[in-house]
C-alpha atoms as a PDB file:
ATOM      1  CA  MET A   1       0.000   0.000   0.000  1.00  0.00           C
ATOM      2  CA  THR A   2       1.036   3.625  -0.452  1.00  0.00           C
ATOM      3  CA  LYS A   3       2.762   4.921   2.638  1.00  0.00           C
ATOM      4  CA  LYS A   4       0.181   7.502   3.601  1.00  0.00           C
ATOM      5  CA  LYS A   5      -0.296   9.261   6.922  1.00  0.00           C
ATOM      6  CA  ILE A   6      -1.624   6.934   9.624  1.00  0.00           C
ATOM      7  CA  ARG A   7      -3.907   7.894  12.492  1.00  0.00           C
ATOM      8  CA  ILE A   8      -2.189   6.215  15.450  1.00  0.00           C
ATOM      9  CA  ALA A   9      -3.163   5.868  19.105  1.00  0.00           C
ATOM     10  CA  GLN A  10      -0.218   5.300  21.435  1.00  0.00           C
ATOM     11  CA  PHE A  11      -1.439   3.990  24.803  1.00  0.00           C
ATOM     12  CA  ALA A  12       1.171   4.425  27.545  1.00  0.00           C
ATOM     13  CA  PRO A  13       1.310   3.159  31.145  1.00  0.00           C
ATOM     14  CA  ILE A  14       0.311   5.739  33.734  1.00  0.00           C
ATOM     15  CA  ALA A  15       2.875   4.931  36.427  1.00  0.00           C
ATOM     16  CA  GLU A  16       4.982   7.863  35.205  1.00  0.00           C
ATOM     17  CA  ARG A  17       4.489  10.831  32.933  1.00  0.00           C
ATOM     18  CA  VAL A  18       5.743  10.618  29.324  1.00  0.00           C
ATOM     19  CA  PRO A  19       8.677  11.143  29.285  1.00  0.00           C
ATOM     20  CA  PRO A  20       9.528  10.403  32.922  1.00  0.00           C
ATOM     21  CA  LYS A  21      11.518  12.919  34.912  1.00  0.00           C
ATOM     22  CA  MET A  22      13.508  10.185  36.630  1.00  0.00           C
ATOM     23  CA  TYR A  23      13.243   6.384  36.342  1.00  0.00           C
ATOM     24  CA  GLY A  24      10.736   4.945  33.853  1.00  0.00           C
ATOM     25  CA  GLY A  25      11.939   2.910  30.896  1.00  0.00           C
ATOM     26  CA  THR A  26       8.657   2.119  29.154  1.00  0.00           C
ATOM     27  CA  GLU A  27       7.419   5.704  29.330  1.00  0.00           C
ATOM     28  CA  ARG A  28      10.732   6.904  27.904  1.00  0.00           C
ATOM     29  CA  VAL A  29      10.466   4.528  24.943  1.00  0.00           C
ATOM     30  CA  VAL A  30       6.850   5.548  24.296  1.00  0.00           C
ATOM     31  CA  HIS A  31       7.943   9.189  24.261  1.00  0.00           C
ATOM     32  CA  TYR A  32      10.641   8.738  21.635  1.00  0.00           C
ATOM     33  CA  LEU A  33       8.431   6.503  19.515  1.00  0.00           C
ATOM     34  CA  THR A  34       5.539   8.982  19.661  1.00  0.00           C
ATOM     35  CA  GLU A  35       7.714  11.982  18.817  1.00  0.00           C
ATOM     36  CA  GLY A  36       9.409  10.065  16.023  1.00  0.00           C
ATOM     37  CA  LEU A  37       6.085   9.144  14.440  1.00  0.00           C
ATOM     38  CA  VAL A  38       4.864  12.752  14.684  1.00  0.00           C
ATOM     39  CA  LYS A  39       8.089  13.902  13.029  1.00  0.00           C
ATOM     40  CA  LYS A  40       7.410  11.512  10.144  1.00  0.00           C
ATOM     41  CA  GLY A  41       4.044  13.193   9.565  1.00  0.00           C
ATOM     42  CA  HIS A  42       1.643  10.744  11.195  1.00  0.00           C
ATOM     43  CA  ASP A  43      -1.436  11.840  13.152  1.00  0.00           C
ATOM     44  CA  VAL A  44      -0.625  10.554  16.645  1.00  0.00           C
ATOM     45  CA  THR A  45      -2.684  10.685  19.837  1.00  0.00           C
ATOM     46  CA  LEU A  46      -0.918   9.821  23.086  1.00  0.00           C
ATOM     47  CA  PHE A  47      -2.957   8.371  25.947  1.00  0.00           C
ATOM     48  CA  ALA A  48      -0.882   9.146  29.041  1.00  0.00           C
ATOM     49  CA  THR A  49      -0.828  11.320  32.175  1.00  0.00           C
ATOM     50  CA  GLY A  50      -1.922  14.940  31.977  1.00  0.00           C
ATOM     51  CA  ASN A  51       1.524  16.310  32.760  1.00  0.00           C
ATOM     52  CA  SER A  52       3.122  14.434  29.854  1.00  0.00           C
ATOM     53  CA  GLN A  53       5.104  16.418  27.284  1.00  0.00           C
ATOM     54  CA  THR A  54       4.411  15.635  23.632  1.00  0.00           C
ATOM     55  CA  ASN A  55       3.933  17.072  20.158  1.00  0.00           C
ATOM     56  CA  ALA A  56       1.114  14.580  19.616  1.00  0.00           C
ATOM     57  CA  ARG A  57      -2.458  15.167  20.741  1.00  0.00           C
ATOM     58  CA  LEU A  58      -2.643  14.275  24.436  1.00  0.00           C
ATOM     59  CA  MET A  59      -5.563  12.421  26.032  1.00  0.00           C
ATOM     60  CA  TRP A  60      -5.515  11.917  29.803  1.00  0.00           C
ATOM     61  CA  LEU A  61      -7.649  10.966  32.811  1.00  0.00           C
ATOM     62  CA  THR A  62      -5.097  11.476  35.576  1.00  0.00           C
ATOM     63  CA  GLU A  63      -2.858  14.519  35.966  1.00  0.00           C
ATOM     64  CA  ARG A  64       0.309  12.796  37.172  1.00  0.00           C
ATOM     65  CA  GLY A  65       1.945   9.381  37.364  1.00  0.00           C
ATOM     66  CA  THR A  66       0.398   6.946  39.794  1.00  0.00           C
ATOM     67  CA  ARG A  67       3.764   5.921  41.285  1.00  0.00           C
ATOM     68  CA  LEU A  68       3.851   9.207  43.178  1.00  0.00           C
ATOM     69  CA  ASP A  69       0.119   9.462  43.952  1.00  0.00           C
ATOM     70  CA  LYS A  70      -0.311   8.114  47.482  1.00  0.00           C
ATOM     71  CA  ASN A  71      -4.068   8.773  47.403  1.00  0.00           C
ATOM     72  CA  LEU A  72      -4.711   6.366  44.530  1.00  0.00           C
ATOM     73  CA  ARG A  73      -5.309   2.866  45.852  1.00  0.00           C
ATOM     74  CA  ASP A  74      -5.762   1.015  42.565  1.00  0.00           C
ATOM     75  CA  PRO A  75      -4.089   2.553  39.492  1.00  0.00           C
ATOM     76  CA  SER A  76      -5.650  -0.080  37.218  1.00  0.00           C
ATOM     77  CA  THR A  77      -8.999   1.719  37.495  1.00  0.00           C
ATOM     78  CA  ILE A  78      -7.538   4.739  35.690  1.00  0.00           C
ATOM     79  CA  THR A  79      -6.016   2.472  33.055  1.00  0.00           C
ATOM     80  CA  MET A  80      -9.372   0.769  32.500  1.00  0.00           C
ATOM     81  CA  LEU A  81     -11.186   4.117  32.188  1.00  0.00           C
ATOM     82  CA  SER A  82      -8.617   5.227  29.612  1.00  0.00           C
ATOM     83  CA  LEU A  83      -8.967   1.962  27.684  1.00  0.00           C
ATOM     84  CA  GLY A  84     -12.740   2.344  27.729  1.00  0.00           C
ATOM     85  CA  THR A  85     -12.418   5.885  26.382  1.00  0.00           C
ATOM     86  CA  LEU A  86     -10.165   4.706  23.564  1.00  0.00           C
ATOM     87  CA  PHE A  87     -11.904   1.511  22.484  1.00  0.00           C
ATOM     88  CA  GLU A  88     -15.542   2.389  23.220  1.00  0.00           C
ATOM     89  CA  LYS A  89     -15.731   6.100  22.441  1.00  0.00           C
ATOM     90  CA  MET A  90     -12.834   7.063  20.141  1.00  0.00           C
ATOM     91  CA  ILE A  91     -11.983   3.958  18.114  1.00  0.00           C
ATOM     92  CA  ASP A  92     -13.251   5.416  14.805  1.00  0.00           C
ATOM     93  CA  GLU A  93     -10.667   8.210  15.052  1.00  0.00           C
ATOM     94  CA  PHE A  94      -7.750   5.810  14.535  1.00  0.00           C
ATOM     95  CA  ASP A  95      -6.364   3.469  11.898  1.00  0.00           C
ATOM     96  CA  ILE A  96      -4.198   1.535  14.345  1.00  0.00           C
ATOM     97  CA  ILE A  97      -3.775   1.285  18.115  1.00  0.00           C
ATOM     98  CA  HIS A  98      -0.425   0.610  19.777  1.00  0.00           C
ATOM     99  CA  CYS A  99      -0.707  -0.523  23.411  1.00  0.00           C
ATOM    100  CA  HIS A 100       2.192  -0.443  25.849  1.00  0.00           C
ATOM    101  CA  VAL A 101       0.091  -1.918  28.639  1.00  0.00           C
ATOM    102  CA  ASP A 102      -0.447  -5.639  28.698  1.00  0.00           C
ATOM    103  CA  TYR A 103      -3.335  -7.894  29.623  1.00  0.00           C
ATOM    104  CA  LEU A 104      -5.826  -5.201  30.689  1.00  0.00           C
ATOM    105  CA  ALA A 105      -6.245  -4.305  27.026  1.00  0.00           C
ATOM    106  CA  TYR A 106      -6.343  -7.852  25.614  1.00  0.00           C
ATOM    107  CA  PRO A 107     -10.155  -8.302  25.772  1.00  0.00           C
ATOM    108  CA  TYR A 108     -10.723  -4.948  24.073  1.00  0.00           C
ATOM    109  CA  ALA A 109      -8.202  -5.755  21.347  1.00  0.00           C
ATOM    110  CA  SER A 110      -9.669  -9.188  20.665  1.00  0.00           C
ATOM    111  CA  LEU A 111     -13.056  -7.585  19.834  1.00  0.00           C
ATOM    112  CA  CYS A 112     -11.666  -4.588  17.952  1.00  0.00           C
ATOM    113  CA  ASN A 113     -12.052  -4.239  14.172  1.00  0.00           C
ATOM    114  CA  LYS A 114      -8.890  -2.148  13.928  1.00  0.00           C
ATOM    115  CA  PRO A 115      -5.308  -3.491  14.159  1.00  0.00           C
ATOM    116  CA  VAL A 116      -3.973  -3.390  17.708  1.00  0.00           C
ATOM    117  CA  VAL A 117      -0.253  -3.808  18.379  1.00  0.00           C
ATOM    118  CA  PHE A 118       1.074  -4.860  21.780  1.00  0.00           C
ATOM    119  CA  THR A 119       4.668  -4.208  22.740  1.00  0.00           C
ATOM    120  CA  THR A 120       5.473  -6.420  25.703  1.00  0.00           C
ATOM    121  CA  HIS A 121       7.927  -4.449  27.831  1.00  0.00           C
ATOM    122  CA  GLY A 122       8.358  -6.776  30.811  1.00  0.00           C
ATOM    123  CA  ARG A 123       9.497 -10.255  31.728  1.00  0.00           C
ATOM    124  CA  LEU A 124       7.333 -13.112  30.456  1.00  0.00           C
ATOM    125  CA  ASP A 125       8.727 -16.030  32.457  1.00  0.00           C
ATOM    126  CA  LEU A 126       5.818 -15.934  34.902  1.00  0.00           C
ATOM    127  CA  LEU A 127       3.147 -18.603  34.477  1.00  0.00           C
ATOM    128  CA  GLU A 128       0.202 -16.207  34.655  1.00  0.00           C
ATOM    129  CA  TYR A 129       1.541 -14.133  31.762  1.00  0.00           C
ATOM    130  CA  SER A 130       2.029 -17.197  29.617  1.00  0.00           C
ATOM    131  CA  LYS A 131      -1.518 -18.362  30.291  1.00  0.00           C
ATOM    132  CA  ILE A 132      -3.232 -15.106  29.395  1.00  0.00           C
ATOM    133  CA  MET A 133      -1.084 -14.516  26.324  1.00  0.00           C
ATOM    134  CA  GLN A 134      -1.847 -18.038  25.127  1.00  0.00           C
ATOM    135  CA  PHE A 135      -5.558 -17.363  25.670  1.00  0.00           C
ATOM    136  CA  TYR A 136      -5.259 -14.282  23.439  1.00  0.00           C
ATOM    137  CA  LYS A 137      -2.657 -15.864  21.167  1.00  0.00           C
ATOM    138  CA  ASP A 138      -3.890 -14.246  17.922  1.00  0.00           C
ATOM    139  CA  LEU A 139      -3.247 -10.657  18.979  1.00  0.00           C
ATOM    140  CA  ASN A 140      -0.354  -8.761  17.376  1.00  0.00           C
ATOM    141  CA  TYR A 141       2.611  -9.067  19.741  1.00  0.00           C
ATOM    142  CA  VAL A 142       5.955  -7.284  19.391  1.00  0.00           C
ATOM    143  CA  SER A 143       8.942  -8.397  21.446  1.00  0.00           C
ATOM    144  CA  ILE A 144      11.746  -6.055  22.456  1.00  0.00           C
ATOM    145  CA  SER A 145      14.312  -8.853  22.144  1.00  0.00           C
ATOM    146  CA  ASN A 146      14.286 -12.355  20.720  1.00  0.00           C
ATOM    147  CA  ALA A 147      15.131 -13.730  24.152  1.00  0.00           C
ATOM    148  CA  GLN A 148      11.989 -12.189  25.621  1.00  0.00           C
ATOM    149  CA  ARG A 149       9.827 -14.520  23.510  1.00  0.00           C
ATOM    150  CA  LYS A 150      11.241 -17.791  24.811  1.00  0.00           C
ATOM    151  CA  PRO A 151       8.846 -18.392  27.741  1.00  0.00           C
ATOM    152  CA  VAL A 152       5.735 -17.832  25.568  1.00  0.00           C
ATOM    153  CA  LYS A 153       5.626 -19.814  22.350  1.00  0.00           C
ATOM    154  CA  ASN A 154       2.925 -20.422  19.742  1.00  0.00           C
ATOM    155  CA  ILE A 155       1.419 -16.953  19.827  1.00  0.00           C
ATOM    156  CA  ASN A 156       1.365 -14.338  17.083  1.00  0.00           C
ATOM    157  CA  TRP A 157       4.795 -12.780  17.478  1.00  0.00           C
ATOM    158  CA  CYS A 158       4.832 -10.255  14.626  1.00  0.00           C
ATOM    159  CA  LYS A 159       8.267  -8.746  15.044  1.00  0.00           C
ATOM    160  CA  THR A 160      11.154  -7.903  17.339  1.00  0.00           C
ATOM    161  CA  VAL A 161      11.859  -4.172  17.560  1.00  0.00           C
ATOM    162  CA  TYR A 162      14.779  -3.032  19.681  1.00  0.00           C
ATOM    163  CA  HIS A 163      14.401   0.141  21.720  1.00  0.00           C
ATOM    164  CA  GLY A 164      16.115   3.238  20.408  1.00  0.00           C
ATOM    165  CA  TYR A 165      17.267   6.669  21.578  1.00  0.00           C
ATOM    166  CA  PRO A 166      18.013   9.905  19.695  1.00  0.00           C
ATOM    167  CA  LYS A 167      21.630   9.975  18.531  1.00  0.00           C
ATOM    168  CA  ASN A 168      22.428  13.181  20.377  1.00  0.00           C
ATOM    169  CA  LEU A 169      20.624  12.361  23.630  1.00  0.00           C
ATOM    170  CA  TYR A 170      23.758  11.021  25.333  1.00  0.00           C
ATOM    171  CA  THR A 171      27.205  12.547  24.973  1.00  0.00           C
ATOM    172  CA  TYR A 172      29.984  10.330  23.694  1.00  0.00           C
ATOM    173  CA  SER A 173      33.038  10.395  25.951  1.00  0.00           C
ATOM    174  CA  GLU A 174      36.375   9.319  24.485  1.00  0.00           C
ATOM    175  CA  SER A 175      37.894   8.739  27.915  1.00  0.00           C
ATOM    176  CA  SER A 176      36.664   7.791  31.366  1.00  0.00           C
ATOM    177  CA  LYS A 177      37.330   8.745  34.956  1.00  0.00           C
ATOM    178  CA  ASP A 178      38.398   6.410  37.766  1.00  0.00           C
ATOM    179  CA  TYR A 179      35.108   4.734  38.706  1.00  0.00           C
ATOM    180  CA  PHE A 180      32.681   2.024  37.613  1.00  0.00           C
ATOM    181  CA  LEU A 181      28.907   2.513  37.700  1.00  0.00           C
ATOM    182  CA  TYR A 182      25.821   0.590  38.803  1.00  0.00           C
ATOM    183  CA  LEU A 183      22.766   2.349  37.351  1.00  0.00           C
ATOM    184  CA  GLY A 184      19.064   1.517  37.483  1.00  0.00           C
ATOM    185  CA  ARG A 185      17.006   0.051  40.292  1.00  0.00           C
ATOM    186  CA  ILE A 186      17.796  -1.641  43.578  1.00  0.00           C
ATOM    187  CA  ALA A 187      16.223  -5.096  43.317  1.00  0.00           C
ATOM    188  CA  ALA A 188      17.266  -8.643  44.160  1.00  0.00           C
ATOM    189  CA  GLU A 189      17.166  -9.845  40.532  1.00  0.00           C
ATOM    190  CA  LYS A 190      19.516  -7.033  39.507  1.00  0.00           C
ATOM    191  CA  CYS A 191      22.124  -8.087  42.102  1.00  0.00           C
ATOM    192  CA  PRO A 192      23.558  -4.721  43.190  1.00  0.00           C
ATOM    193  CA  ASP A 193      25.270  -6.603  46.025  1.00  0.00           C
ATOM    194  CA  ASP A 194      27.350  -8.424  43.408  1.00  0.00           C
ATOM    195  CA  ALA A 195      28.404  -5.120  41.847  1.00  0.00           C
ATOM    196  CA  ILE A 196      29.520  -3.862  45.257  1.00  0.00           C
ATOM    197  CA  ASN A 197      31.409  -7.035  46.127  1.00  0.00           C
ATOM    198  CA  PHE A 198      33.131  -7.227  42.727  1.00  0.00           C
ATOM    199  CA  ALA A 199      34.247  -3.610  43.023  1.00  0.00           C
ATOM    200  CA  LYS A 200      35.665  -4.233  46.484  1.00  0.00           C
ATOM    201  CA  LYS A 201      37.516  -7.360  45.377  1.00  0.00           C
ATOM    202  CA  ALA A 202      38.947  -5.607  42.342  1.00  0.00           C
ATOM    203  CA  GLY A 203      39.867  -2.549  44.398  1.00  0.00           C
ATOM    204  CA  VAL A 204      37.982  -0.068  42.190  1.00  0.00           C
ATOM    205  CA  ARG A 205      35.587   2.764  42.937  1.00  0.00           C
ATOM    206  CA  LEU A 206      31.885   2.103  42.363  1.00  0.00           C
ATOM    207  CA  LYS A 207      29.135   4.693  42.124  1.00  0.00           C
ATOM    208  CA  ILE A 208      25.575   3.443  42.622  1.00  0.00           C
ATOM    209  CA  ALA A 209      22.852   5.566  41.017  1.00  0.00           C
ATOM    210  CA  ALA A 210      19.596   3.743  41.651  1.00  0.00           C
ATOM    211  CA  LYS A 211      16.000   4.184  42.707  1.00  0.00           C
ATOM    212  CA  ILE A 212      14.431   2.122  45.487  1.00  0.00           C
ATOM    213  CA  ASP A 213      10.811   1.095  44.971  1.00  0.00           C
ATOM    214  CA  PRO A 214       8.649   0.616  48.091  1.00  0.00           C
ATOM    215  CA  THR A 215       8.612  -3.143  47.496  1.00  0.00           C
ATOM    216  CA  ASP A 216      12.426  -3.202  47.553  1.00  0.00           C
ATOM    217  CA  LYS A 217      13.022  -1.093  50.677  1.00  0.00           C
ATOM    218  CA  LEU A 218      13.410  -4.107  52.954  1.00  0.00           C
ATOM    219  CA  TYR A 219      15.861  -5.735  50.534  1.00  0.00           C
ATOM    220  CA  PHE A 220      17.876  -2.523  50.432  1.00  0.00           C
ATOM    221  CA  LYS A 221      17.927  -2.152  54.212  1.00  0.00           C
ATOM    222  CA  GLU A 222      18.881  -5.763  54.933  1.00  0.00           C
ATOM    223  CA  LYS A 223      21.143  -6.666  51.985  1.00  0.00           C
ATOM    224  CA  ILE A 224      22.550  -3.495  50.435  1.00  0.00           C
ATOM    225  CA  GLU A 225      22.798  -0.798  53.085  1.00  0.00           C
ATOM    226  CA  PRO A 226      25.267  -2.800  55.230  1.00  0.00           C
ATOM    227  CA  LEU A 227      27.623  -3.007  52.215  1.00  0.00           C
ATOM    228  CA  LEU A 228      27.762   0.750  51.587  1.00  0.00           C
ATOM    229  CA  ASP A 229      30.059   1.681  54.464  1.00  0.00           C
ATOM    230  CA  HIS A 230      33.255   1.367  52.436  1.00  0.00           C
ATOM    231  CA  PRO A 231      35.567   4.026  50.982  1.00  0.00           C
ATOM    232  CA  LEU A 232      35.301   2.575  47.459  1.00  0.00           C
ATOM    233  CA  ILE A 233      31.476   2.631  47.389  1.00  0.00           C
ATOM    234  CA  GLU A 234      29.371   5.756  46.831  1.00  0.00           C
ATOM    235  CA  PHE A 235      25.556   5.564  46.904  1.00  0.00           C
ATOM    236  CA  LEU A 236      23.879   8.418  45.005  1.00  0.00           C
ATOM    237  CA  GLY A 237      20.229   7.347  44.929  1.00  0.00           C
ATOM    238  CA  GLU A 238      17.932   8.057  41.979  1.00  0.00           C
ATOM    239  CA  VAL A 239      19.318  10.480  39.386  1.00  0.00           C
ATOM    240  CA  ASN A 240      17.866  12.578  36.572  1.00  0.00           C
ATOM    241  CA  ASP A 241      18.804  12.449  32.884  1.00  0.00           C
ATOM    242  CA  THR A 242      21.528  15.095  33.111  1.00  0.00           C
ATOM    243  CA  GLN A 243      23.195  13.324  36.017  1.00  0.00           C
ATOM    244  CA  LYS A 244      22.848   9.983  34.240  1.00  0.00           C
ATOM    245  CA  ASN A 245      24.588  11.315  31.149  1.00  0.00           C
ATOM    246  CA  GLU A 246      27.502  12.619  33.206  1.00  0.00           C
ATOM    247  CA  LEU A 247      27.807   9.455  35.288  1.00  0.00           C
ATOM    248  CA  LEU A 248      27.707   7.094  32.316  1.00  0.00           C
ATOM    249  CA  GLY A 249      30.129   9.182  30.289  1.00  0.00           C
ATOM    250  CA  GLY A 250      32.654   9.226  33.113  1.00  0.00           C
ATOM    251  CA  ALA A 251      32.413   5.528  34.023  1.00  0.00           C
ATOM    252  CA  LYS A 252      35.067   3.006  33.000  1.00  0.00           C
ATOM    253  CA  ALA A 253      32.220   0.525  32.560  1.00  0.00           C
ATOM    254  CA  LEU A 254      28.637  -0.164  33.548  1.00  0.00           C
ATOM    255  CA  LEU A 255      28.479  -3.034  36.048  1.00  0.00           C
ATOM    256  CA  ASN A 256      25.164  -4.524  34.979  1.00  0.00           C
ATOM    257  CA  THR A 257      25.149  -7.461  37.386  1.00  0.00           C
ATOM    258  CA  ILE A 258      21.642  -8.714  36.616  1.00  0.00           C
ATOM    259  CA  ASN A 259      20.699 -12.341  37.166  1.00  0.00           C
ATOM    260  CA  TRP A 260      17.239 -12.559  35.566  1.00  0.00           C
ATOM    261  CA  PRO A 261      15.829 -12.863  32.012  1.00  0.00           C
ATOM    262  CA  GLU A 262      16.240  -9.187  31.103  1.00  0.00           C
ATOM    263  CA  PRO A 263      13.726  -8.343  28.318  1.00  0.00           C
ATOM    264  CA  PHE A 264      15.922  -5.532  26.935  1.00  0.00           C
ATOM    265  CA  GLY A 265      17.805  -3.273  29.344  1.00  0.00           C
ATOM    266  CA  LEU A 266      17.750   0.379  28.309  1.00  0.00           C
ATOM    267  CA  VAL A 267      20.665   1.153  30.588  1.00  0.00           C
ATOM    268  CA  MET A 268      22.924  -0.885  28.324  1.00  0.00           C
ATOM    269  CA  ILE A 269      22.239   1.179  25.208  1.00  0.00           C
ATOM    270  CA  GLU A 270      22.518   4.340  27.306  1.00  0.00           C
ATOM    271  CA  ALA A 271      26.003   3.188  28.247  1.00  0.00           C
ATOM    272  CA  LEU A 272      26.920   2.353  24.653  1.00  0.00           C
ATOM    273  CA  ALA A 273      25.722   5.784  23.527  1.00  0.00           C
ATOM    274  CA  CYS A 274      28.254   7.321  25.925  1.00  0.00           C
ATOM    275  CA  GLY A 275      30.970   4.990  24.678  1.00  0.00           C
ATOM    276  CA  THR A 276      30.925   3.098  27.957  1.00  0.00           C
ATOM    277  CA  PRO A 277      31.447  -0.697  27.894  1.00  0.00           C
ATOM    278  CA  VAL A 278      29.056  -3.015  29.713  1.00  0.00           C
ATOM    279  CA  ILE A 279      30.045  -5.842  32.049  1.00  0.00           C
ATOM    280  CA  SER A 280      27.143  -8.222  32.584  1.00  0.00           C
ATOM    281  CA  ARG A 281      25.905 -11.786  32.737  1.00  0.00           C
ATOM    282  CA  PRO A 282      24.581 -13.350  29.505  1.00  0.00           C
ATOM    283  CA  CYS A 283      20.997 -13.252  30.805  1.00  0.00           C
ATOM    284  CA  GLY A 284      17.953 -12.738  28.599  1.00  0.00           C
ATOM    285  CA  SER A 285      18.582 -10.059  25.985  1.00  0.00           C
ATOM    286  CA  VAL A 286      22.106  -9.168  27.095  1.00  0.00           C
ATOM    287  CA  PRO A 287      23.937 -11.222  24.392  1.00  0.00           C
ATOM    288  CA  GLU A 288      21.754  -9.547  21.752  1.00  0.00           C
ATOM    289  CA  ILE A 289      22.851  -6.093  22.883  1.00  0.00           C
ATOM    290  CA  ILE A 290      26.427  -6.590  24.117  1.00  0.00           C
ATOM    291  CA  THR A 291      29.028  -8.367  21.999  1.00  0.00           C
ATOM    292  CA  ASN A 292      31.522 -10.176  24.210  1.00  0.00           C
ATOM    293  CA  ASN A 293      35.069  -8.757  23.990  1.00  0.00           C
ATOM    294  CA  GLU A 294      33.879  -5.982  21.646  1.00  0.00           C
ATOM    295  CA  THR A 295      31.372  -3.759  23.477  1.00  0.00           C
ATOM    296  CA  GLY A 296      31.859  -5.310  26.887  1.00  0.00           C
ATOM    297  CA  PHE A 297      32.281  -8.606  28.694  1.00  0.00           C
ATOM    298  CA  LEU A 298      29.743 -11.369  29.365  1.00  0.00           C
ATOM    299  CA  CYS A 299      30.605 -13.094  32.634  1.00  0.00           C
ATOM    300  CA  LEU A 300      29.634 -16.518  33.965  1.00  0.00           C
ATOM    301  CA  SER A 301      31.585 -16.501  37.234  1.00  0.00           C
ATOM    302  CA  ASP A 302      32.818 -14.129  39.925  1.00  0.00           C
ATOM    303  CA  ASN A 303      36.337 -14.458  38.530  1.00  0.00           C
ATOM    304  CA  ASP A 304      35.029 -13.487  35.093  1.00  0.00           C
ATOM    305  CA  PHE A 305      33.696 -10.248  36.562  1.00  0.00           C
ATOM    306  CA  ILE A 306      36.975  -9.459  38.309  1.00  0.00           C
ATOM    307  CA  ASN A 307      38.939 -10.173  35.131  1.00  0.00           C
ATOM    308  CA  ALA A 308      36.540  -8.004  33.132  1.00  0.00           C
ATOM    309  CA  ILE A 309      36.999  -5.101  35.526  1.00  0.00           C
ATOM    310  CA  ASN A 310      40.779  -5.459  35.371  1.00  0.00           C
ATOM    311  CA  ASN A 311      40.823  -5.655  31.563  1.00  0.00           C
ATOM    312  CA  ILE A 312      38.194  -3.059  30.685  1.00  0.00           C
ATOM    313  CA  GLU A 313      40.760  -0.921  28.850  1.00  0.00           C
ATOM    314  CA  GLN A 314      40.771  -3.582  26.100  1.00  0.00           C
ATOM    315  CA  ILE A 315      37.295  -2.443  25.018  1.00  0.00           C
ATOM    316  CA  SER A 316      37.155   0.436  22.528  1.00  0.00           C
ATOM    317  CA  ARG A 317      34.827   3.212  23.614  1.00  0.00           C
ATOM    318  CA  LYS A 318      34.557   4.290  19.975  1.00  0.00           C
ATOM    319  CA  ARG A 319      33.363   0.795  19.047  1.00  0.00           C
ATOM    320  CA  CYS A 320      30.676   1.009  21.751  1.00  0.00           C
ATOM    321  CA  ARG A 321      29.355   4.290  20.355  1.00  0.00           C
ATOM    322  CA  GLU A 322      29.366   2.897  16.807  1.00  0.00           C
ATOM    323  CA  GLU A 323      27.276  -0.071  17.932  1.00  0.00           C
ATOM    324  CA  PHE A 324      24.702   2.277  19.446  1.00  0.00           C
ATOM    325  CA  GLU A 325      24.463   4.366  16.276  1.00  0.00           C
ATOM    326  CA  LYS A 326      24.177   1.279  14.088  1.00  0.00           C
ATOM    327  CA  ARG A 327      21.501  -0.635  16.008  1.00  0.00           C
ATOM    328  CA  PHE A 328      19.805   1.335  18.775  1.00  0.00           C
ATOM    329  CA  THR A 329      18.719   4.750  17.517  1.00  0.00           C
ATOM    330  CA  VAL A 330      15.195   6.121  17.645  1.00  0.00           C
ATOM    331  CA  ASP A 331      15.156   6.209  13.824  1.00  0.00           C
ATOM    332  CA  SER A 332      15.640   2.433  13.692  1.00  0.00           C
ATOM    333  CA  MET A 333      12.897   1.900  16.270  1.00  0.00           C
ATOM    334  CA  VAL A 334      10.396   4.172  14.530  1.00  0.00           C
ATOM    335  CA  GLU A 335      11.047   2.579  11.140  1.00  0.00           C
ATOM    336  CA  GLY A 336      10.569  -0.877  12.636  1.00  0.00           C
ATOM    337  CA  TYR A 337       7.156  -0.019  14.043  1.00  0.00           C
ATOM    338  CA  GLU A 338       6.082   2.015  11.027  1.00  0.00           C
ATOM    339  CA  ASP A 339       6.799  -0.925   8.717  1.00  0.00           C
ATOM    340  CA  LEU A 340       4.712  -3.177  10.960  1.00  0.00           C
ATOM    341  CA  TYR A 341       1.798  -0.716  10.994  1.00  0.00           C
ATOM    342  CA  TYR A 342       1.703  -0.646   7.201  1.00  0.00           C
ATOM    343  CA  LYS A 343       1.836  -4.442   6.954  1.00  0.00           C
ATOM    344  CA  LEU A 344      -1.063  -4.825   9.377  1.00  0.00           C
ATOM    345  CA  LEU A 345      -3.108  -2.195   7.569  1.00  0.00           C
ATOM    346  CA  GLU A 346      -2.508  -4.000   4.269  1.00  0.00           C
ATOM    347  CA  LYS A 347      -4.320  -7.012   5.737  1.00  0.00           C
ATOM    348  CA  GLN A 348      -7.449  -4.987   6.560  1.00  0.00           C
END
């Protein structure tokens, strides 16, 4: 079909505004995708929080992200009201709907006469997710890595589209300072305790820039806080985008000590954009993003991590930046989704 302008609804989660001021990977991706589609001339409506910033038309039912709203007991009610508004009252205004929320929208999508695309942003190795996705197996699913698909087979996986950032969002740094970095969220599956222990054993400085969700406060207090009283370890807490750029650009490497089936891992492409190598375990999507001995090191043992830290100078920062520009830009992401939209519309 002729590549004409498409009327697109982008439906974002409401935990954070779009884009988030601090932590919030999915909302950040939705922002860059939405703005990229607007830039290409499409008619885009963003369903998100009222304080979101966008060049698309904005539709909202709650002013701010629910993560910070202590008065809201059940955020899913707002999501359901927004879904009802979209699918029951506004559906004729769109050619295609792109949902970045999961199962709450599945029943609506299964009865909809317009193409609905679902990008699955989270882990899928939980039995309940597999069951509900299998029940709605004919919906149009997009994975954010090939590894993400493995727990849920025999459903309509349409495409894998890697996340992407604007080329100039992060500043490339040709050289580093004298520290390593743990960046993201304090959680047991992300193993920040390993990052701390590896840094101590290797005798290197480690900066920890991470948010602590309410559900992880006990883990932080019992497992992480006792490890912070050490001259090599500096805990910074949650940081904004400007601070993140500076921290990543100055780091010798990102210590991404996860031990779970990571669906994508935005922090890794943020590091690559700065020219910063990544040291991680080959979990989930990591081997798809990081090439061992080229843009970082993939480690199977504690000794592997120590050796990686000691040999990080072998990794070319220029090569890391080139990998980002080749595979993980917003232009690549937008083109991937745009191609899928056209293919689905051709089937109508």
